[in-house]
C-alpha atoms as a PDB file:
ATOM      1  CA  MET A   1      19.104  32.308  27.093  1.00  0.00           C
ATOM      2  CA  SER A   2      16.376  30.828  29.296  1.00  0.00           C
ATOM      3  CA  LEU A   3      16.580  31.032  33.066  1.00  0.00           C
ATOM      4  CA  LEU A   4      15.512  27.496  33.669  1.00  0.00           C
ATOM      5  CA  SER A   5      15.397  24.244  31.618  1.00  0.00           C
ATOM      6  CA  VAL A   6      12.564  22.054  32.868  1.00  0.00           C
ATOM      7  CA  ILE A   7      13.364  18.320  32.228  1.00  0.00           C
ATOM      8  CA  ILE A   8      10.237  15.977  32.121  1.00  0.00           C
ATOM      9  CA  PRO A   9      10.595  12.250  31.558  1.00  0.00           C
ATOM     10  CA  THR A  10       7.345  10.747  30.361  1.00  0.00           C
ATOM     11  CA  ARG A  11       5.865   7.422  28.962  1.00  0.00           C
ATOM     12  CA  ARG A  12       2.586   7.167  27.115  1.00  0.00           C
ATOM     13  CA  ARG A  13       0.679   9.670  29.337  1.00  0.00           C
ATOM     14  CA  PRO A  14      -0.101  12.503  26.937  1.00  0.00           C
ATOM     15  CA  ALA A  15      -3.143  13.634  28.845  1.00  0.00           C
ATOM     16  CA  ILE A  16      -1.550  14.052  32.192  1.00  0.00           C
ATOM     17  CA  LEU A  17       1.610  15.511  30.557  1.00  0.00           C
ATOM     18  CA  GLN A  18      -0.467  18.089  28.800  1.00  0.00           C
ATOM     19  CA  ARG A  19      -1.834  19.311  32.155  1.00  0.00           C
ATOM     20  CA  ALA A  20       1.662  19.567  33.597  1.00  0.00           C
ATOM     21  CA  LEU A  21       2.710  21.605  30.575  1.00  0.00           C
ATOM     22  CA  GLU A  22      -0.228  23.841  31.019  1.00  0.00           C
ATOM     23  CA  ARG A  23       0.908  24.590  34.499  1.00  0.00           C
ATOM     24  CA  LEU A  24       4.233  25.531  33.140  1.00  0.00           C
ATOM     25  CA  ALA A  25       2.673  27.883  30.682  1.00  0.00           C
ATOM     26  CA  ASN A  26       1.039  29.633  33.596  1.00  0.00           C
ATOM     27  CA  GLN A  27       4.264  30.241  35.468  1.00  0.00           C
ATOM     28  CA  THR A  28       5.165  33.797  36.382  1.00  0.00           C
ATOM     29  CA  ILE A  29       8.423  33.285  34.369  1.00  0.00           C
ATOM     30  CA  ALA A  30       6.931  31.137  31.512  1.00  0.00           C
ATOM     31  CA  LYS A  31       8.729  33.166  28.882  1.00  0.00           C
ATOM     32  CA  GLU A  32      12.043  32.391  30.524  1.00  0.00           C
ATOM     33  CA  LEU A  33      11.541  28.639  30.532  1.00  0.00           C
ATOM     34  CA  GLU A  34      12.952  25.970  28.240  1.00  0.00           C
ATOM     35  CA  ILE A  35      10.899  22.759  28.193  1.00  0.00           C
ATOM     36  CA  VAL A  36      12.576  19.358  27.410  1.00  0.00           C
ATOM     37  CA  VAL A  37      10.299  16.306  27.352  1.00  0.00           C
ATOM     38  CA  VAL A  38      11.979  12.864  27.018  1.00  0.00           C
ATOM     39  CA  HIS A  39       9.817   9.968  26.132  1.00  0.00           C
ATOM     40  CA  ASP A  40      11.276   6.876  27.815  1.00  0.00           C
ATOM     41  CA  GLY A  41      10.620   4.229  25.175  1.00  0.00           C
ATOM     42  CA  MET A  42       9.551   3.833  21.642  1.00  0.00           C
ATOM     43  CA  ASP A  43       8.069   7.109  20.276  1.00  0.00           C
ATOM     44  CA  ASP A  44       4.456   7.518  21.189  1.00  0.00           C
ATOM     45  CA  ALA A  45       2.354   8.999  18.372  1.00  0.00           C
ATOM     46  CA  ASP A  46      -0.204  10.381  20.751  1.00  0.00           C
ATOM     47  CA  THR A  47       2.372  12.138  22.890  1.00  0.00           C
ATOM     48  CA  ARG A  48       4.171  13.564  19.923  1.00  0.00           C
ATOM     49  CA  SER A  49       0.817  14.770  18.455  1.00  0.00           C
ATOM     50  CA  MET A  50      -0.089  16.484  21.705  1.00  0.00           C
ATOM     51  CA  ILE A  51       3.269  18.224  21.854  1.00  0.00           C
ATOM     52  CA  GLU A  52       3.059  19.372  18.303  1.00  0.00           C
ATOM     53  CA  THR A  53      -0.572  20.551  18.430  1.00  0.00           C
ATOM     54  CA  SER A  54      -1.458  21.395  22.001  1.00  0.00           C
ATOM     55  CA  CYS A  55       1.689  22.242  23.914  1.00  0.00           C
ATOM     56  CA  PRO A  56       1.273  25.837  25.181  1.00  0.00           C
ATOM     57  CA  LEU A  57       5.040  26.543  25.216  1.00  0.00           C
ATOM     58  CA  PRO A  58       7.908  25.820  22.946  1.00  0.00           C
ATOM     59  CA  CYS A  59       9.091  22.390  23.754  1.00  0.00           C
ATOM     60  CA  THR A  60      11.944  20.030  22.706  1.00  0.00           C
ATOM     61  CA  TYR A  61      10.542  16.556  22.538  1.00  0.00           C
ATOM     62  CA  PHE A  62      12.340  13.279  21.672  1.00  0.00           C
ATOM     63  CA  ALA A  63      12.207   9.697  22.449  1.00  0.00           C
ATOM     64  CA  ILE A  64      14.919   7.276  23.666  1.00  0.00           C
ATOM     65  CA  PRO A  65      15.056   3.446  23.823  1.00  0.00           C
ATOM     66  CA  LYS A  66      13.158   2.159  26.917  1.00  0.00           C
ATOM     67  CA  ALA A  67      15.438   2.638  29.856  1.00  0.00           C
ATOM     68  CA  GLN A  68      14.353   4.246  33.137  1.00  0.00           C
ATOM     69  CA  GLN A  69      13.784   7.790  34.321  1.00  0.00           C
ATOM     70  CA  GLY A  70      17.401   8.397  35.312  1.00  0.00           C
ATOM     71  CA  THR A  71      18.554   7.744  31.703  1.00  0.00           C
ATOM     72  CA  ALA A  72      15.746   9.965  30.378  1.00  0.00           C
ATOM     73  CA  ARG A  73      16.839  12.824  32.724  1.00  0.00           C
ATOM     74  CA  ASN A  74      20.480  12.411  31.555  1.00  0.00           C
ATOM     75  CA  ARG A  75      19.382  12.729  27.946  1.00  0.00           C
ATOM     76  CA  GLY A  76      17.252  15.820  28.831  1.00  0.00           C
ATOM     77  CA  VAL A  77      20.124  17.501  30.551  1.00  0.00           C
ATOM     78  CA  GLN A  78      22.299  17.017  27.527  1.00  0.00           C
ATOM     79  CA  ARG A  79      19.738  19.021  25.546  1.00  0.00           C
ATOM     80  CA  ALA A  80      19.306  21.755  28.149  1.00  0.00           C
ATOM     81  CA  SER A  81      20.707  25.245  27.375  1.00  0.00           C
ATOM     82  CA  ALA A  82      19.887  27.138  30.558  1.00  0.00           C
ATOM     83  CA  ASP A  83      22.421  27.382  33.432  1.00  0.00           C
ATOM     84  CA  ARG A  84      20.013  25.703  35.788  1.00  0.00           C
ATOM     85  CA  ILE A  85      17.640  22.775  35.285  1.00  0.00           C
ATOM     86  CA  LEU A  86      14.502  21.656  37.065  1.00  0.00           C
ATOM     87  CA  PHE A  87      13.536  17.993  37.203  1.00  0.00           C
ATOM     88  CA  ILE A  88       9.801  17.263  37.539  1.00  0.00           C
ATOM     89  CA  GLY A  89       7.637  14.344  36.773  1.00  0.00           C
ATOM     90  CA  ASP A  90       4.884  14.333  34.099  1.00  0.00           C
ATOM     91  CA  ASP A  91       2.232  14.234  36.877  1.00  0.00           C
ATOM     92  CA  ILE A  92       3.678  17.101  38.854  1.00  0.00           C
ATOM     93  CA  PHE A  93       1.545  20.233  38.700  1.00  0.00           C
ATOM     94  CA  LEU A  94       3.640  23.353  39.692  1.00  0.00           C
ATOM     95  CA  GLU A  95       2.078  26.291  41.444  1.00  0.00           C
ATOM     96  CA  HIS A  96       2.106  29.381  39.360  1.00  0.00           C
ATOM     97  CA  ASN A  97       5.251  30.860  40.886  1.00  0.00           C
ATOM     98  CA  ALA A  98       7.167  27.587  41.585  1.00  0.00           C
ATOM     99  CA  CYS A  99       9.778  28.093  38.802  1.00  0.00           C
ATOM    100  CA  GLU A 100      10.370  31.684  39.943  1.00  0.00           C
ATOM    101  CA  MET A 101      10.858  30.439  43.504  1.00  0.00           C
ATOM    102  CA  HIS A 102      13.534  27.953  42.206  1.00  0.00           C
ATOM    103  CA  VAL A 103      15.389  30.770  40.298  1.00  0.00           C
ATOM    104  CA  ARG A 104      15.161  33.194  43.186  1.00  0.00           C
ATOM    105  CA  GLY A 105      15.881  30.615  45.800  1.00  0.00           C
ATOM    106  CA  TYR A 106      18.952  29.435  43.970  1.00  0.00           C
ATOM    107  CA  GLU A 107      20.282  33.009  43.600  1.00  0.00           C
ATOM    108  CA  THR A 108      19.696  34.069  47.255  1.00  0.00           C
ATOM    109  CA  ARG A 109      20.997  30.786  48.748  1.00  0.00           C
ATOM    110  CA  ALA A 110      24.009  30.729  46.404  1.00  0.00           C
ATOM    111  CA  MET A 111      24.913  34.183  47.745  1.00  0.00           C
ATOM    112  CA  SER A 112      24.662  33.175  51.419  1.00  0.00           C
ATOM    113  CA  CYS A 113      26.006  29.564  51.404  1.00  0.00           C
ATOM    114  CA  GLU A 114      29.676  28.858  51.925  1.00  0.00           C
ATOM    115  CA  GLU A 115      31.867  27.884  49.103  1.00  0.00           C
ATOM    116  CA  HIS A 116      31.973  24.257  48.077  1.00  0.00           C
ATOM    117  CA  THR A 117      34.665  22.645  45.897  1.00  0.00           C
ATOM    118  CA  LEU A 118      33.810  19.896  43.488  1.00  0.00           C
ATOM    119  CA  LYS A 119      36.065  16.922  44.409  1.00  0.00           C
ATOM    120  CA  THR A 120      36.825  15.696  40.952  1.00  0.00           C
ATOM    121  CA  GLN A 121      39.683  14.718  38.664  1.00  0.00           C
ATOM    122  CA  ASP A 122      38.367  17.201  36.055  1.00  0.00           C
ATOM    123  CA  SER A 123      40.808  20.081  36.452  1.00  0.00           C
ATOM    124  CA  LYS A 124      38.352  22.672  35.160  1.00  0.00           C
ATOM    125  CA  LEU A 125      35.689  21.764  37.617  1.00  0.00           C
ATOM    126  CA  LYS A 126      38.225  21.276  40.413  1.00  0.00           C
ATOM    127  CA  ALA A 127      39.542  24.768  39.869  1.00  0.00           C
ATOM    128  CA  HIS A 128      36.065  26.198  39.733  1.00  0.00           C
ATOM    129  CA  ARG A 129      35.228  27.264  43.299  1.00  0.00           C
ATOM    130  CA  ALA A 130      31.632  28.360  43.109  1.00  0.00           C
ATOM    131  CA  LYS A 131      28.566  28.653  45.392  1.00  0.00           C
ATOM    132  CA  LEU A 132      26.675  25.697  43.998  1.00  0.00           C
ATOM    133  CA  VAL A 133      23.507  24.350  45.528  1.00  0.00           C
ATOM    134  CA  ALA A 134      20.607  22.005  44.631  1.00  0.00           C
ATOM    135  CA  LEU A 135      17.090  23.134  45.640  1.00  0.00           C
ATOM    136  CA  LEU A 136      14.234  20.850  46.713  1.00  0.00           C
ATOM    137  CA  GLY A 137      10.780  22.215  46.236  1.00  0.00           C
ATOM    138  CA  PHE A 138       7.692  21.116  48.225  1.00  0.00           C
ATOM    139  CA  THR A 139       5.257  18.554  46.823  1.00  0.00           C
ATOM    140  CA  THR A 140       2.074  17.177  48.253  1.00  0.00           C
ATOM    141  CA  TRP A 141      -0.809  15.069  46.937  1.00  0.00           C
ATOM    142  CA  ASP A 142      -3.291  16.706  44.558  1.00  0.00           C
ATOM    143  CA  PRO A 143      -6.672  16.747  46.368  1.00  0.00           C
ATOM    144  CA  ALA A 144      -8.394  16.463  42.922  1.00  0.00           C
ATOM    145  CA  VAL A 145      -7.314  12.866  42.514  1.00  0.00           C
ATOM    146  CA  GLY A 146      -9.054  11.800  45.769  1.00  0.00           C
ATOM    147  CA  ILE A 147      -6.713  11.312  48.708  1.00  0.00           C
ATOM    148  CA  THR A 148      -6.945   7.874  50.160  1.00  0.00           C
ATOM    149  CA  SER A 149      -6.063   6.785  53.682  1.00  0.00           C
ATOM    150  CA  VAL A 150      -2.860   5.144  52.442  1.00  0.00           C
ATOM    151  CA  MET A 151      -1.845   8.382  50.668  1.00  0.00           C
ATOM    152  CA  ARG A 152      -2.302  10.332  53.935  1.00  0.00           C
ATOM    153  CA  TRP A 153      -0.328   7.639  55.708  1.00  0.00           C
ATOM    154  CA  LEU A 154       2.516   7.722  53.162  1.00  0.00           C
ATOM    155  CA  GLU A 155       2.882  11.453  53.603  1.00  0.00           C
ATOM    156  CA  ALA A 156       2.546  11.548  57.368  1.00  0.00           C
ATOM    157  CA  THR A 157       5.132   8.865  57.957  1.00  0.00           C
ATOM    158  CA  GLY A 158       7.599   9.919  55.371  1.00  0.00           C
ATOM    159  CA  TRP A 159       7.521   6.728  53.400  1.00  0.00           C
ATOM    160  CA  GLN A 160       6.675   9.016  50.496  1.00  0.00           C
ATOM    161  CA  PHE A 161       7.046  12.853  50.657  1.00  0.00           C
ATOM    162  CA  GLY A 162       8.892  13.039  53.946  1.00  0.00           C
ATOM    163  CA  TYR A 163       8.676  16.754  54.077  1.00  0.00           C
ATOM    164  CA  GLY A 164       7.443  16.779  57.658  1.00  0.00           C
ATOM    165  CA  ASN A 165      10.915  15.460  58.664  1.00  0.00           C
ATOM    166  CA  ILE A 166      12.731  18.431  57.216  1.00  0.00           C
ATOM    167  CA  ARG A 167      10.224  21.229  58.158  1.00  0.00           C
ATOM    168  CA  ARG A 168      12.748  22.786  60.494  1.00  0.00           C
ATOM    169  CA  TYR A 169      15.185  23.230  57.575  1.00  0.00           C
ATOM    170  CA  ALA A 170      12.936  25.391  55.518  1.00  0.00           C
ATOM    171  CA  HIS A 171      15.033  27.820  53.379  1.00  0.00           C
ATOM    172  CA  CYS A 172      18.142  26.229  54.745  1.00  0.00           C
ATOM    173  CA  THR A 173      20.689  23.531  53.924  1.00  0.00           C
ATOM    174  CA  LEU A 174      19.856  20.053  54.951  1.00  0.00           C
ATOM    175  CA  PRO A 175      22.444  18.200  57.091  1.00  0.00           C
ATOM    176  CA  LYS A 176      24.828  16.288  54.865  1.00  0.00           C
ATOM    177  CA  SER A 177      24.068  13.091  56.716  1.00  0.00           C
ATOM    178  CA  ILE A 178      20.430  13.049  55.516  1.00  0.00           C
ATOM    179  CA  GLN A 179      20.389  15.137  52.320  1.00  0.00           C
ATOM    180  CA  HIS A 180      20.568  12.173  49.971  1.00  0.00           C
ATOM    181  CA  GLN A 181      17.219  10.826  51.443  1.00  0.00           C
ATOM    182  CA  PHE A 182      15.414  13.935  50.089  1.00  0.00           C
ATOM    183  CA  THR A 183      16.816  14.317  46.547  1.00  0.00           C
ATOM    184  CA  TYR A 184      13.283  13.957  45.175  1.00  0.00           C
ATOM    185  CA  THR A 185      13.730  14.242  41.506  1.00  0.00           C
ATOM    186  CA  SER A 186      10.034  14.858  40.911  1.00  0.00           C
ATOM    187  CA  HIS A 187      10.666  18.492  42.004  1.00  0.00           C
ATOM    188  CA  LEU A 188      14.318  19.463  42.295  1.00  0.00           C
ATOM    189  CA  SER A 189      16.658  22.021  40.571  1.00  0.00           C
ATOM    190  CA  LEU A 190      20.416  22.395  40.380  1.00  0.00           C
ATOM    191  CA  PRO A 191      23.075  23.885  38.107  1.00  0.00           C
ATOM    192  CA  THR A 192      23.122  22.223  34.652  1.00  0.00           C
ATOM    193  CA  SER A 193      26.971  21.941  35.000  1.00  0.00           C
ATOM    194  CA  VAL A 194      26.463  19.851  38.137  1.00  0.00           C
ATOM    195  CA  ALA A 195      23.855  17.672  36.540  1.00  0.00           C
ATOM    196  CA  ARG A 196      26.133  16.935  33.643  1.00  0.00           C
ATOM    197  CA  HIS A 197      29.096  16.310  35.858  1.00  0.00           C
ATOM    198  CA  THR A 198      27.147  13.989  38.065  1.00  0.00           C
ATOM    199  CA  PRO A 199      24.619  12.169  36.033  1.00  0.00           C
ATOM    200  CA  PHE A 200      22.157   9.363  37.078  1.00  0.00           C
ATOM    201  CA  ARG A 201      23.512   5.866  36.847  1.00  0.00           C
ATOM    202  CA  GLU A 202      22.110   4.194  33.722  1.00  0.00           C
ATOM    203  CA  ASP A 203      22.603   0.571  34.955  1.00  0.00           C
ATOM    204  CA  ILE A 204      19.908   0.818  37.589  1.00  0.00           C
ATOM    205  CA  THR A 205      16.883  -0.597  35.870  1.00  0.00           C
ATOM    206  CA  LEU A 206      14.366  -0.974  38.700  1.00  0.00           C
ATOM    207  CA  TYR A 207      12.388   1.878  40.243  1.00  0.00           C
ATOM    208  CA  GLY A 208      13.037   3.018  43.707  1.00  0.00           C
ATOM    209  CA  TRP A 209      16.514   4.189  44.586  1.00  0.00           C
ATOM    210  CA  GLU A 210      18.168   5.892  41.572  1.00  0.00           C
ATOM    211  CA  ASP A 211      17.478   9.376  43.095  1.00  0.00           C
ATOM    212  CA  ILE A 212      18.932   8.472  46.494  1.00  0.00           C
ATOM    213  CA  GLU A 213      22.032   6.973  44.980  1.00  0.00           C
ATOM    214  CA  TRP A 214      22.403  10.039  42.811  1.00  0.00           C
ATOM    215  CA  GLY A 215      21.884  12.212  45.839  1.00  0.00           C
ATOM    216  CA  MET A 216      24.762  10.437  47.638  1.00  0.00           C
ATOM    217  CA  ARG A 217      27.120  11.342  44.751  1.00  0.00           C
ATOM    218  CA  LEU A 218      25.945  14.892  44.843  1.00  0.00           C
ATOM    219  CA  ARG A 219      26.836  14.985  48.466  1.00  0.00           C
ATOM    220  CA  GLU A 220      30.251  13.420  47.756  1.00  0.00           C
ATOM    221  CA  VAL A 221      31.137  16.159  45.235  1.00  0.00           C
ATOM    222  CA  GLY A 222      30.185  18.793  47.750  1.00  0.00           C
ATOM    223  CA  ILE A 223      26.750  19.961  46.518  1.00  0.00           C
ATOM    224  CA  PRO A 224      24.507  20.891  49.361  1.00  0.00           C
ATOM    225  CA  LEU A 225      20.720  20.535  49.213  1.00  0.00           C
ATOM    226  CA  VAL A 226      18.545  23.434  50.301  1.00  0.00           C
ATOM    227  CA  TYR A 227      14.854  22.972  51.073  1.00  0.00           C
ATOM    228  CA  GLU A 228      12.741  25.678  49.460  1.00  0.00           C
ATOM    229  CA  PRO A 229       9.129  25.191  50.573  1.00  0.00           C
ATOM    230  CA  ASP A 230       7.836  28.263  48.729  1.00  0.00           C
ATOM    231  CA  ALA A 231       8.345  26.368  45.389  1.00  0.00           C
ATOM    232  CA  LYS A 232       5.146  24.294  45.643  1.00  0.00           C
ATOM    233  CA  ALA A 233       3.679  21.538  43.498  1.00  0.00           C
ATOM    234  CA  LEU A 234       0.898  18.972  43.544  1.00  0.00           C
ATOM    235  CA  HIS A 235       1.399  15.263  42.678  1.00  0.00           C
ATOM    236  CA  HIS A 236      -1.484  14.328  40.508  1.00  0.00           C
ATOM    237  CA  HIS A 237      -1.473  10.648  41.270  1.00  0.00           C
ATOM    238  CA  HIS A 238      -4.003   8.430  42.929  1.00  0.00           C
ATOM    239  CA  VAL A 239      -2.709   5.623  45.135  1.00  0.00           C
ATOM    240  CA  GLU A 240      -4.655   2.693  46.564  1.00  0.00           C
ATOM    241  CA  LEU A 241      -3.159   0.297  49.126  1.00  0.00           C
ATOM    242  CA  GLN A 242      -2.418  -2.341  46.501  1.00  0.00           C
ATOM    243  CA  ASP A 243      -0.610   0.183  44.351  1.00  0.00           C
ATOM    244  CA  SER A 244       1.609   1.278  47.274  1.00  0.00           C
ATOM    245  CA  LEU A 245       2.325  -2.321  48.276  1.00  0.00           C
ATOM    246  CA  GLU A 246       3.385  -3.191  44.735  1.00  0.00           C
ATOM    247  CA  ARG A 247       5.689  -0.143  44.691  1.00  0.00           C
ATOM    248  CA  MET A 248       7.175  -1.125  48.002  1.00  0.00           C
ATOM    249  CA  HIS A 249       7.782  -4.714  46.638  1.00  0.00           C
ATOM    250  CA  THR A 250       9.695  -3.221  43.642  1.00  0.00           C
ATOM    251  CA  VAL A 251      11.636  -0.995  46.103  1.00  0.00           C
ATOM    252  CA  GLY A 252      12.634  -4.032  47.964  1.00  0.00           C
ATOM    253  CA  ARG A 253      13.754  -5.896  44.867  1.00  0.00           C
ATOM    254  CA  SER A 254      16.005  -3.049  43.800  1.00  0.00           C
ATOM    255  CA  LEU A 255      17.739  -2.594  47.099  1.00  0.00           C
ATOM    256  CA  HIS A 256      20.588  -5.070  46.722  1.00  0.00           C
ATOM    257  CA  THR A 257      21.176  -4.093  43.119  1.00  0.00           C
ATOM    258  CA  VAL A 258      21.833  -0.445  44.046  1.00  0.00           C
ATOM    259  CA  ALA A 259      23.903  -1.504  47.059  1.00  0.00           C
ATOM    260  CA  LYS A 260      26.117  -3.555  44.680  1.00  0.00           C
ATOM    261  CA  PHE A 261      26.889  -0.436  42.606  1.00  0.00           C
ATOM    262  CA  SER A 262      27.309   1.833  45.709  1.00  0.00           C
ATOM    263  CA  PRO A 263      29.026   0.263  48.687  1.00  0.00           C
ATOM    264  CA  ALA A 264      28.078   3.376  50.822  1.00  0.00           C
ATOM    265  CA  PHE A 265      24.404   2.926  50.049  1.00  0.00           C
ATOM    266  CA  ASP A 266      22.685   2.888  53.503  1.00  0.00           C
ATOM    267  CA  ARG A 267      19.078   1.916  52.790  1.00  0.00           C
ATOM    268  CA  VAL A 268      19.346  -1.938  52.969  1.00  0.00           C
ATOM    269  CA  PRO A 269      17.891  -2.864  56.402  1.00  0.00           C
ATOM    270  CA  LYS A 270      20.502  -4.703  58.474  1.00  0.00           C
ATOM    271  CA  GLY A 271      20.972  -5.798  62.091  1.00  0.00           C
ATOM    272  CA  TRP A 272      18.367  -4.452  64.453  1.00  0.00           C
ATOM    273  CA  LYS A 273      16.645  -2.570  61.651  1.00  0.00           C
ATOM    274  CA  ARG A 274      16.118  -5.751  59.751  1.00  0.00           C
ATOM    275  CA  ILE A 275      14.788  -7.434  62.847  1.00  0.00           C
ATOM    276  CA  ALA A 276      12.373  -4.535  63.438  1.00  0.00           C
ATOM    277  CA  TYR A 277      11.129  -4.956  59.821  1.00  0.00           C
ATOM    278  CA  GLU A 278      10.681  -8.725  60.275  1.00  0.00           C
ATOM    279  CA  LEU A 279       8.530  -8.037  63.428  1.00  0.00           C
ATOM    280  CA  LEU A 280       6.611  -5.282  61.820  1.00  0.00           C
ATOM    281  CA  ALA A 281       5.640  -7.587  58.916  1.00  0.00           C
ATOM    282  CA  TYR A 282       3.496  -9.691  61.262  1.00  0.00           C
ATOM    283  CA  VAL A 283       1.484  -6.537  62.348  1.00  0.00           C
ATOM    284  CA  PRO A 284      -1.677  -6.024  60.173  1.00  0.00           C
ATOM    285  CA  THR A 285      -1.201  -2.279  60.022  1.00  0.00           C
ATOM    286  CA  LEU A 286      -0.253  -0.039  57.021  1.00  0.00           C
ATOM    287  CA  ARG A 287       3.331   0.111  58.415  1.00  0.00           C
ATOM    288  CA  GLY A 288       3.390  -3.702  58.847  1.00  0.00           C
ATOM    289  CA  LYS A 289       1.953  -4.389  55.344  1.00  0.00           C
ATOM    290  CA  HIS A 290       4.477  -2.130  53.748  1.00  0.00           C
ATOM    291  CA  ALA A 291       7.371  -3.730  55.765  1.00  0.00           C
ATOM    292  CA  ALA A 292       6.179  -7.134  54.552  1.00  0.00           C
ATOM    293  CA  ALA A 293       6.050  -5.961  50.930  1.00  0.00           C
ATOM    294  CA  LEU A 294       9.540  -4.530  51.147  1.00  0.00           C
ATOM    295  CA  LEU A 295      10.881  -7.655  52.697  1.00  0.00           C
ATOM    296  CA  GLN A 296       9.346  -9.922  50.151  1.00  0.00           C
ATOM    297  CA  GLY A 297      10.927  -7.821  47.414  1.00  0.00           C
ATOM    298  CA  LEU A 298      14.265  -7.932  49.168  1.00  0.00           C
ATOM    299  CA  LYS A 299      14.143 -11.738  49.255  1.00  0.00           C
ATOM    300  CA  GLU A 300      13.460 -11.670  45.450  1.00  0.00           C
ATOM    301  CA  GLN A 301      16.472  -9.406  44.833  1.00  0.00           C
ATOM    302  CA  VAL A 302      17.617  -9.087  41.301  1.00  0.00           C
ATOM    303  CA  VAL A 303      20.924 -10.741  40.623  1.00  0.00           C
END
C-alpha cells in the first residue's frame, strides 16, 4: 500500500498540471505515492491525453460534473487507498522531499501529541481513540512567475499565505482558536479516515471559504493542526492587482453564503471590524483597495 495519496483537483490546465506531476515524480518517496487527479468539469481531452502519455507516475484520473474544488477533493478521497492523503493544487510545485516531510512529520507528531477523541455519533469512530493530526506544509510564491508588488503584499500581510503569523508554531500544534484560518488545502495532509468522516461541504459553490469552514469542522471533531515548515512548496501562480481584487470581490460575495451554512463562521466583518473595513475602503492603498473589493462583494451577497 502507498504511504500517501496525493489528491489534485484540476480544470483545463494540463501544462501546469504536468509540471506539478513532474515534481511529484522527483519526490524522495515517489515510489510510495498514489496520485489521484480529479478534473472538475466535463472531461478535458488535453488533460486526459497528458495523463495517459506524459504523466511520470501511475495516476488515477477521472472527471466529475462541474462543481468546485471541495467536491473534487471529496471524490478524490473516495478513490484514495493510502492511510494518509495530501491535498495540493495543480499549480503547487512541491520541493523534492515535501511528501517525505509530511509522512515523517505525521508520524513524529502523532507520537508526541495528546490523544484526541472524535466527537461523533459513529460508534466506531467514537470508540477509536487515536493520535490524529492534520499537517500544514509551507507554501510561498514561485519566483519563476515574476513576483509582483501585490503578491509580496498578500504574503507579508497574511491576506494570502499567512505563514508569518504562525512562524512561532513551527513543528507545533496551532492554537485551536486560530487553526481553522490556516487549513490551506493547497498543501495539507491528514488521515484518510478523517477526510472521509469530515468531507468538504458540496453546497458551497463560490470560491473563498470552503477550506476555512472545513477547518472549523475538523477542529470541532478534535483534529489538531500542526505546522510543518520543512514540507515546502512553491505556488506557480502570477497575480496582478486586478486579479487579486477580483478574487477579493468573490470572497466577499461568498461570505454570507458560508455563514448561512455555519452559524459559528467568524469571518464576516461585524461591529468595529466592519467599520474599520468601511474606513479602509476610502484609503487608496493596497489594503484599502482590497477592503473595498471585499465590501463590494459582501453587498452583492449570493442569496
